[in-house]
Amino acid sequence: MLISRTKAILHKVPENSRVTVTFSLGKEPSVEYKNALKKAQSYAKIMHMSKQAIYDQLISEYGENFEEDAAQYAIDNIEWDWEANALAQAKNYRNTMNMSKQGIYDQLVSEYGGQFTSEEAQYAIDHLDD
């Protein structure tokens, strides 16, 4: 957090005086940034996508076609349980495609598949039978 003051203090403030402090959390995100975040939340909630897969979808000319900075804002500001998404996809692969655990893991981490981290994919495999 950056704290600055605009004028030097020239006078001592009397005890029990009322002091007003003003601060800013920064510039309000643009509509484009907000829309990218909403779209990212939708992909995470409905399609159980990974962070990387959502980012790629947001910037894709065949997807949402957001600028990279708007997509990065969305990824930096989304709050989501990525392990739960990996598990949801793993269960879907098992139940609809009858895949082995190793096949599911490989699909979850593949750059052409789920694009989950190895930790997220391992969590999914470890909890597949819960």
N, C-alpha and C. Protein backbone atom coordinates (compact mmCIF):
# COMPACT_ATOMS: atom_id res chain seq x y z
N MET A 1 0.85 -1.16 0.00
CA MET A 1 0.00 0.00 0.00
C MET A 1 0.90 1.22 0.00
N LEU A 2 0.59 2.19 -0.81
CA LEU A 2 1.34 3.43 -0.90
C LEU A 2 0.65 4.48 -0.06
N ILE A 3 1.37 5.06 0.85
CA ILE A 3 0.83 6.13 1.67
C ILE A 3 1.68 7.35 1.43
N SER A 4 1.03 8.43 1.12
CA SER A 4 1.77 9.67 0.90
C SER A 4 0.97 10.84 1.45
N ARG A 5 1.64 11.91 1.64
CA ARG A 5 0.94 13.12 2.05
C ARG A 5 1.33 14.22 1.08
N THR A 6 0.42 15.13 0.90
CA THR A 6 0.67 16.15 -0.10
C THR A 6 1.33 17.41 0.46
N LYS A 7 1.16 17.68 1.76
CA LYS A 7 1.76 18.87 2.35
C LYS A 7 2.49 18.49 3.63
N ALA A 8 3.54 19.19 3.89
CA ALA A 8 4.27 18.96 5.14
C ALA A 8 3.42 19.48 6.30
N ILE A 9 3.52 18.81 7.41
CA ILE A 9 2.79 19.25 8.60
C ILE A 9 3.57 20.40 9.22
N LEU A 10 2.91 21.54 9.29
CA LEU A 10 3.57 22.73 9.82
C LEU A 10 3.13 23.04 11.24
N HIS A 11 1.97 22.51 11.63
CA HIS A 11 1.44 22.83 12.95
C HIS A 11 1.13 21.55 13.69
N LYS A 12 1.29 21.61 14.98
CA LYS A 12 0.93 20.48 15.83
C LYS A 12 -0.59 20.45 15.95
N VAL A 13 -1.17 19.25 15.83
CA VAL A 13 -2.61 19.10 15.95
C VAL A 13 -2.95 19.01 17.43
N PRO A 14 -3.87 19.85 17.88
CA PRO A 14 -4.24 19.82 19.30
C PRO A 14 -4.87 18.47 19.68
N GLU A 15 -4.64 18.05 20.89
CA GLU A 15 -5.19 16.80 21.40
C GLU A 15 -6.72 16.85 21.31
N ASN A 16 -7.32 15.70 21.00
CA ASN A 16 -8.78 15.53 20.86
C ASN A 16 -9.36 16.26 19.66
N SER A 17 -8.51 16.65 18.73
CA SER A 17 -9.01 17.28 17.51
C SER A 17 -9.57 16.22 16.58
N ARG A 18 -10.44 16.63 15.72
CA ARG A 18 -11.01 15.73 14.72
C ARG A 18 -10.12 15.78 13.48
N VAL A 19 -9.70 14.60 13.02
CA VAL A 19 -8.84 14.50 11.85
C VAL A 19 -9.53 13.63 10.82
N THR A 20 -9.56 14.07 9.60
CA THR A 20 -10.16 13.30 8.52
C THR A 20 -9.05 12.71 7.68
N VAL A 21 -9.12 11.40 7.48
CA VAL A 21 -8.13 10.69 6.66
C VAL A 21 -8.86 10.17 5.43
N THR A 22 -8.31 10.46 4.26
CA THR A 22 -8.89 10.01 3.01
C THR A 22 -7.91 9.07 2.33
N PHE A 23 -8.42 7.94 1.83
CA PHE A 23 -7.56 7.01 1.10
C PHE A 23 -8.31 6.46 -0.09
N SER A 24 -7.56 5.92 -1.00
CA SER A 24 -8.14 5.38 -2.23
C SER A 24 -7.63 3.96 -2.43
N LEU A 25 -8.51 3.09 -2.88
CA LEU A 25 -8.12 1.72 -3.22
C LEU A 25 -7.64 1.63 -4.66
N GLY A 26 -7.59 2.74 -5.32
CA GLY A 26 -7.13 2.76 -6.70
C GLY A 26 -8.27 3.07 -7.65
N LYS A 27 -7.93 3.06 -8.90
CA LYS A 27 -8.88 3.38 -9.94
C LYS A 27 -9.91 2.26 -10.09
N GLU A 28 -11.15 2.61 -10.31
CA GLU A 28 -12.23 1.65 -10.55
C GLU A 28 -11.93 0.90 -11.85
N PRO A 29 -12.05 -0.43 -11.84
CA PRO A 29 -11.80 -1.20 -13.07
C PRO A 29 -12.77 -0.78 -14.18
N SER A 30 -12.30 -0.85 -15.40
CA SER A 30 -13.14 -0.49 -16.54
C SER A 30 -14.25 -1.54 -16.73
N VAL A 31 -15.23 -1.19 -17.52
CA VAL A 31 -16.31 -2.13 -17.85
C VAL A 31 -15.73 -3.36 -18.53
N GLU A 32 -14.74 -3.18 -19.37
CA GLU A 32 -14.10 -4.30 -20.07
C GLU A 32 -13.47 -5.28 -19.07
N TYR A 33 -12.78 -4.74 -18.07
CA TYR A 33 -12.17 -5.57 -17.04
C TYR A 33 -13.24 -6.30 -16.23
N LYS A 34 -14.29 -5.58 -15.86
CA LYS A 34 -15.38 -6.20 -15.10
C LYS A 34 -16.05 -7.30 -15.91
N ASN A 35 -16.25 -7.06 -17.20
CA ASN A 35 -16.87 -8.07 -18.06
C ASN A 35 -15.99 -9.31 -18.18
N ALA A 36 -14.70 -9.10 -18.30
CA ALA A 36 -13.77 -10.24 -18.37
C ALA A 36 -13.85 -11.06 -17.08
N LEU A 37 -13.92 -10.40 -15.94
CA LEU A 37 -14.02 -11.10 -14.67
C LEU A 37 -15.34 -11.87 -14.57
N LYS A 38 -16.42 -11.27 -15.00
CA LYS A 38 -17.73 -11.95 -14.97
C LYS A 38 -17.71 -13.18 -15.88
N LYS A 39 -17.11 -13.04 -17.03
CA LYS A 39 -17.02 -14.17 -17.97
C LYS A 39 -16.15 -15.27 -17.39
N ALA A 40 -15.05 -14.89 -16.75
CA ALA A 40 -14.17 -15.88 -16.11
C ALA A 40 -14.92 -16.64 -15.02
N GLN A 41 -15.69 -15.93 -14.22
CA GLN A 41 -16.48 -16.57 -13.16
C GLN A 41 -17.50 -17.54 -13.76
N SER A 42 -18.07 -17.17 -14.87
CA SER A 42 -19.04 -18.04 -15.54
C SER A 42 -18.37 -19.33 -16.03
N TYR A 43 -17.22 -19.22 -16.66
CA TYR A 43 -16.49 -20.40 -17.13
C TYR A 43 -16.07 -21.28 -15.95
N ALA A 44 -15.66 -20.67 -14.86
CA ALA A 44 -15.24 -21.44 -13.69
C ALA A 44 -16.43 -22.17 -13.08
N LYS A 45 -17.55 -21.50 -12.99
CA LYS A 45 -18.72 -22.07 -12.32
C LYS A 45 -19.42 -23.13 -13.18
N ILE A 46 -19.64 -22.83 -14.43
CA ILE A 46 -20.45 -23.70 -15.28
C ILE A 46 -19.64 -24.82 -15.93
N MET A 47 -18.44 -24.48 -16.38
CA MET A 47 -17.64 -25.46 -17.12
C MET A 47 -16.48 -26.03 -16.31
N HIS A 48 -16.31 -25.56 -15.09
CA HIS A 48 -15.26 -26.07 -14.19
C HIS A 48 -13.88 -26.00 -14.83
N MET A 49 -13.59 -24.89 -15.49
CA MET A 49 -12.32 -24.72 -16.19
C MET A 49 -11.22 -24.29 -15.23
N SER A 50 -9.97 -24.51 -15.65
CA SER A 50 -8.79 -24.08 -14.90
C SER A 50 -8.51 -22.61 -15.18
N LYS A 51 -7.65 -22.03 -14.37
CA LYS A 51 -7.24 -20.64 -14.59
C LYS A 51 -6.66 -20.44 -15.99
N GLN A 52 -5.73 -21.31 -16.36
CA GLN A 52 -5.06 -21.16 -17.65
C GLN A 52 -6.04 -21.33 -18.80
N ALA A 53 -6.94 -22.30 -18.69
CA ALA A 53 -7.92 -22.52 -19.76
C ALA A 53 -8.85 -21.32 -19.88
N ILE A 54 -9.23 -20.74 -18.75
CA ILE A 54 -10.09 -19.56 -18.79
C ILE A 54 -9.35 -18.39 -19.43
N TYR A 55 -8.11 -18.18 -19.03
CA TYR A 55 -7.32 -17.09 -19.62
C TYR A 55 -7.25 -17.26 -21.13
N ASP A 56 -6.92 -18.46 -21.58
CA ASP A 56 -6.81 -18.72 -23.02
C ASP A 56 -8.13 -18.47 -23.74
N GLN A 57 -9.23 -18.85 -23.10
CA GLN A 57 -10.55 -18.63 -23.70
C GLN A 57 -10.89 -17.14 -23.76
N LEU A 58 -10.50 -16.42 -22.73
CA LEU A 58 -10.79 -14.98 -22.70
C LEU A 58 -10.06 -14.22 -23.80
N ILE A 59 -8.82 -14.62 -24.10
CA ILE A 59 -8.05 -13.87 -25.11
C ILE A 59 -8.19 -14.43 -26.52
N SER A 60 -8.77 -15.60 -26.65
CA SER A 60 -8.85 -16.25 -27.96
C SER A 60 -9.72 -15.46 -28.94
N GLU A 61 -9.24 -15.35 -30.16
CA GLU A 61 -10.05 -14.72 -31.20
C GLU A 61 -11.27 -15.58 -31.53
N TYR A 62 -11.22 -16.86 -31.18
CA TYR A 62 -12.34 -17.77 -31.39
C TYR A 62 -13.19 -17.90 -30.13
N GLY A 63 -12.77 -17.22 -29.07
CA GLY A 63 -13.49 -17.23 -27.80
C GLY A 63 -14.07 -15.86 -27.52
N GLU A 64 -13.59 -15.25 -26.45
CA GLU A 64 -14.15 -13.97 -26.01
C GLU A 64 -13.45 -12.75 -26.60
N ASN A 65 -12.21 -12.93 -27.06
CA ASN A 65 -11.46 -11.86 -27.73
C ASN A 65 -11.22 -10.63 -26.85
N PHE A 66 -11.02 -10.85 -25.55
CA PHE A 66 -10.64 -9.75 -24.66
C PHE A 66 -9.17 -9.43 -24.87
N GLU A 67 -8.80 -8.20 -24.57
CA GLU A 67 -7.39 -7.83 -24.56
C GLU A 67 -6.69 -8.59 -23.43
N GLU A 68 -5.40 -8.83 -23.58
CA GLU A 68 -4.65 -9.60 -22.59
C GLU A 68 -4.70 -8.97 -21.20
N ASP A 69 -4.67 -7.64 -21.13
CA ASP A 69 -4.69 -6.99 -19.81
C ASP A 69 -6.03 -7.19 -19.11
N ALA A 70 -7.12 -7.21 -19.84
CA ALA A 70 -8.43 -7.46 -19.23
C ALA A 70 -8.53 -8.91 -18.76
N ALA A 71 -8.01 -9.84 -19.57
CA ALA A 71 -8.02 -11.25 -19.18
C ALA A 71 -7.14 -11.47 -17.95
N GLN A 72 -5.99 -10.82 -17.91
CA GLN A 72 -5.11 -10.96 -16.75
C GLN A 72 -5.75 -10.37 -15.51
N TYR A 73 -6.45 -9.26 -15.66
CA TYR A 73 -7.19 -8.69 -14.52
C TYR A 73 -8.19 -9.72 -13.98
N ALA A 74 -8.90 -10.38 -14.88
CA ALA A 74 -9.89 -11.37 -14.47
C ALA A 74 -9.23 -12.51 -13.70
N ILE A 75 -8.14 -13.02 -14.23
CA ILE A 75 -7.44 -14.13 -13.59
C ILE A 75 -6.86 -13.70 -12.24
N ASP A 76 -6.35 -12.49 -12.16
CA ASP A 76 -5.77 -12.00 -10.91
C ASP A 76 -6.83 -11.74 -9.84
N ASN A 77 -8.07 -11.52 -10.24
CA ASN A 77 -9.10 -11.12 -9.29
C ASN A 77 -10.20 -12.15 -9.05
N ILE A 78 -10.19 -13.25 -9.76
CA ILE A 78 -11.20 -14.27 -9.53
C ILE A 78 -10.83 -15.06 -8.27
N GLU A 79 -11.80 -15.31 -7.45
CA GLU A 79 -11.60 -16.12 -6.26
C GLU A 79 -12.36 -17.41 -6.48
N TRP A 80 -11.62 -18.52 -6.60
CA TRP A 80 -12.26 -19.78 -6.96
C TRP A 80 -11.51 -20.95 -6.37
N ASP A 81 -12.19 -22.06 -6.21
CA ASP A 81 -11.59 -23.29 -5.73
C ASP A 81 -11.20 -24.12 -6.96
N TRP A 82 -9.94 -23.98 -7.38
CA TRP A 82 -9.47 -24.64 -8.60
C TRP A 82 -9.36 -26.14 -8.42
N GLU A 83 -9.09 -26.59 -7.21
CA GLU A 83 -9.05 -28.04 -6.96
C GLU A 83 -10.43 -28.65 -7.16
N ALA A 84 -11.46 -27.94 -6.72
CA ALA A 84 -12.83 -28.43 -6.91
C ALA A 84 -13.17 -28.51 -8.40
N ASN A 85 -12.69 -27.56 -9.19
CA ASN A 85 -12.93 -27.60 -10.63
C ASN A 85 -12.22 -28.80 -11.26
N ALA A 86 -10.98 -29.04 -10.83
CA ALA A 86 -10.24 -30.19 -11.35
C ALA A 86 -10.97 -31.49 -10.99
N LEU A 87 -11.47 -31.56 -9.78
CA LEU A 87 -12.20 -32.76 -9.36
C LEU A 87 -13.49 -32.93 -10.16
N ALA A 88 -14.20 -31.85 -10.41
CA ALA A 88 -15.44 -31.93 -11.20
C ALA A 88 -15.14 -32.43 -12.61
N GLN A 89 -14.08 -31.92 -13.22
CA GLN A 89 -13.71 -32.40 -14.56
C GLN A 89 -13.27 -33.85 -14.52
N ALA A 90 -12.52 -34.23 -13.49
CA ALA A 90 -12.05 -35.61 -13.37
C ALA A 90 -13.23 -36.57 -13.27
N LYS A 91 -14.22 -36.21 -12.48
CA LYS A 91 -15.41 -37.06 -12.34
C LYS A 91 -16.17 -37.15 -13.66
N ASN A 92 -16.21 -36.05 -14.38
CA ASN A 92 -16.87 -36.06 -15.68
C ASN A 92 -16.13 -36.99 -16.66
N TYR A 93 -14.79 -36.90 -16.69
CA TYR A 93 -14.01 -37.80 -17.56
C TYR A 93 -14.24 -39.26 -17.20
N ARG A 94 -14.26 -39.55 -15.90
CA ARG A 94 -14.46 -40.93 -15.46
C ARG A 94 -15.86 -41.43 -15.82
N ASN A 95 -16.88 -40.61 -15.57
CA ASN A 95 -18.26 -41.06 -15.74
C ASN A 95 -18.75 -41.05 -17.18
N THR A 96 -18.22 -40.17 -18.01
CA THR A 96 -18.71 -40.09 -19.39
C THR A 96 -17.77 -40.71 -20.41
N MET A 97 -16.48 -40.78 -20.06
CA MET A 97 -15.51 -41.29 -21.02
C MET A 97 -14.82 -42.55 -20.52
N ASN A 98 -15.18 -43.00 -19.29
CA ASN A 98 -14.63 -44.24 -18.74
C ASN A 98 -13.10 -44.28 -18.77
N MET A 99 -12.48 -43.17 -18.40
CA MET A 99 -11.02 -43.07 -18.45
C MET A 99 -10.38 -43.64 -17.19
N SER A 100 -9.14 -44.09 -17.31
CA SER A 100 -8.35 -44.54 -16.15
C SER A 100 -7.90 -43.32 -15.35
N LYS A 101 -7.46 -43.56 -14.12
CA LYS A 101 -6.96 -42.45 -13.31
C LYS A 101 -5.77 -41.77 -13.96
N GLN A 102 -4.86 -42.55 -14.54
CA GLN A 102 -3.71 -41.94 -15.21
C GLN A 102 -4.15 -41.14 -16.43
N GLY A 103 -5.10 -41.68 -17.18
CA GLY A 103 -5.63 -40.96 -18.33
C GLY A 103 -6.30 -39.66 -17.93
N ILE A 104 -7.04 -39.71 -16.83
CA ILE A 104 -7.69 -38.50 -16.31
C ILE A 104 -6.65 -37.47 -15.91
N TYR A 105 -5.64 -37.91 -15.16
CA TYR A 105 -4.58 -37.00 -14.73
C TYR A 105 -3.92 -36.35 -15.95
N ASP A 106 -3.56 -37.17 -16.92
CA ASP A 106 -2.90 -36.65 -18.12
C ASP A 106 -3.78 -35.64 -18.85
N GLN A 107 -5.07 -35.90 -18.91
CA GLN A 107 -6.01 -34.99 -19.57
C GLN A 107 -6.14 -33.68 -18.78
N LEU A 108 -6.16 -33.79 -17.47
CA LEU A 108 -6.29 -32.59 -16.64
C LEU A 108 -5.11 -31.64 -16.79
N VAL A 109 -3.90 -32.18 -16.90
CA VAL A 109 -2.71 -31.32 -16.98
C VAL A 109 -2.30 -30.97 -18.41
N SER A 110 -2.89 -31.61 -19.38
CA SER A 110 -2.50 -31.40 -20.77
C SER A 110 -2.74 -29.96 -21.22
N GLU A 111 -1.80 -29.44 -22.00
CA GLU A 111 -1.99 -28.11 -22.56
C GLU A 111 -3.11 -28.10 -23.60
N TYR A 112 -3.50 -29.27 -24.06
CA TYR A 112 -4.61 -29.40 -25.01
C TYR A 112 -5.88 -29.87 -24.31
N GLY A 113 -5.80 -30.03 -22.99
CA GLY A 113 -6.93 -30.49 -22.19
C GLY A 113 -7.29 -29.45 -21.15
N GLY A 114 -7.32 -29.90 -19.89
CA GLY A 114 -7.78 -29.04 -18.80
C GLY A 114 -6.86 -27.92 -18.41
N GLN A 115 -5.55 -28.10 -18.61
CA GLN A 115 -4.54 -27.10 -18.25
C GLN A 115 -4.52 -26.79 -16.75
N PHE A 116 -4.85 -27.77 -15.94
CA PHE A 116 -4.74 -27.60 -14.50
C PHE A 116 -3.29 -27.78 -14.09
N THR A 117 -2.94 -27.27 -12.92
CA THR A 117 -1.60 -27.50 -12.39
C THR A 117 -1.49 -28.96 -11.97
N SER A 118 -0.27 -29.44 -11.83
CA SER A 118 -0.09 -30.82 -11.39
C SER A 118 -0.66 -31.03 -9.99
N GLU A 119 -0.58 -30.02 -9.14
CA GLU A 119 -1.14 -30.12 -7.80
C GLU A 119 -2.67 -30.23 -7.84
N GLU A 120 -3.29 -29.44 -8.66
CA GLU A 120 -4.76 -29.48 -8.78
C GLU A 120 -5.21 -30.83 -9.34
N ALA A 121 -4.48 -31.31 -10.35
CA ALA A 121 -4.83 -32.60 -10.95
C ALA A 121 -4.63 -33.74 -9.95
N GLN A 122 -3.55 -33.69 -9.18
CA GLN A 122 -3.32 -34.73 -8.20
C GLN A 122 -4.38 -34.72 -7.12
N TYR A 123 -4.80 -33.54 -6.72
CA TYR A 123 -5.90 -33.43 -5.75
C TYR A 123 -7.13 -34.14 -6.30
N ALA A 124 -7.43 -33.90 -7.56
CA ALA A 124 -8.60 -34.52 -8.19
C ALA A 124 -8.50 -36.04 -8.18
N ILE A 125 -7.34 -36.54 -8.54
CA ILE A 125 -7.14 -38.01 -8.56
C ILE A 125 -7.26 -38.57 -7.14
N ASP A 126 -6.68 -37.87 -6.18
CA ASP A 126 -6.70 -38.34 -4.79
C ASP A 126 -8.12 -38.36 -4.21
N HIS A 127 -9.01 -37.53 -4.73
CA HIS A 127 -10.37 -37.42 -4.18
C HIS A 127 -11.44 -37.94 -5.14
N LEU A 128 -11.04 -38.61 -6.19
CA LEU A 128 -11.97 -39.07 -7.20
C LEU A 128 -13.03 -40.03 -6.64
N ASP A 129 -12.67 -40.81 -5.65
CA ASP A 129 -13.60 -41.79 -5.11
C ASP A 129 -14.30 -41.32 -3.83
N ASP A 130 -14.10 -40.06 -3.45
CA ASP A 130 -14.75 -39.53 -2.24
C ASP A 130 -16.25 -39.44 -2.42
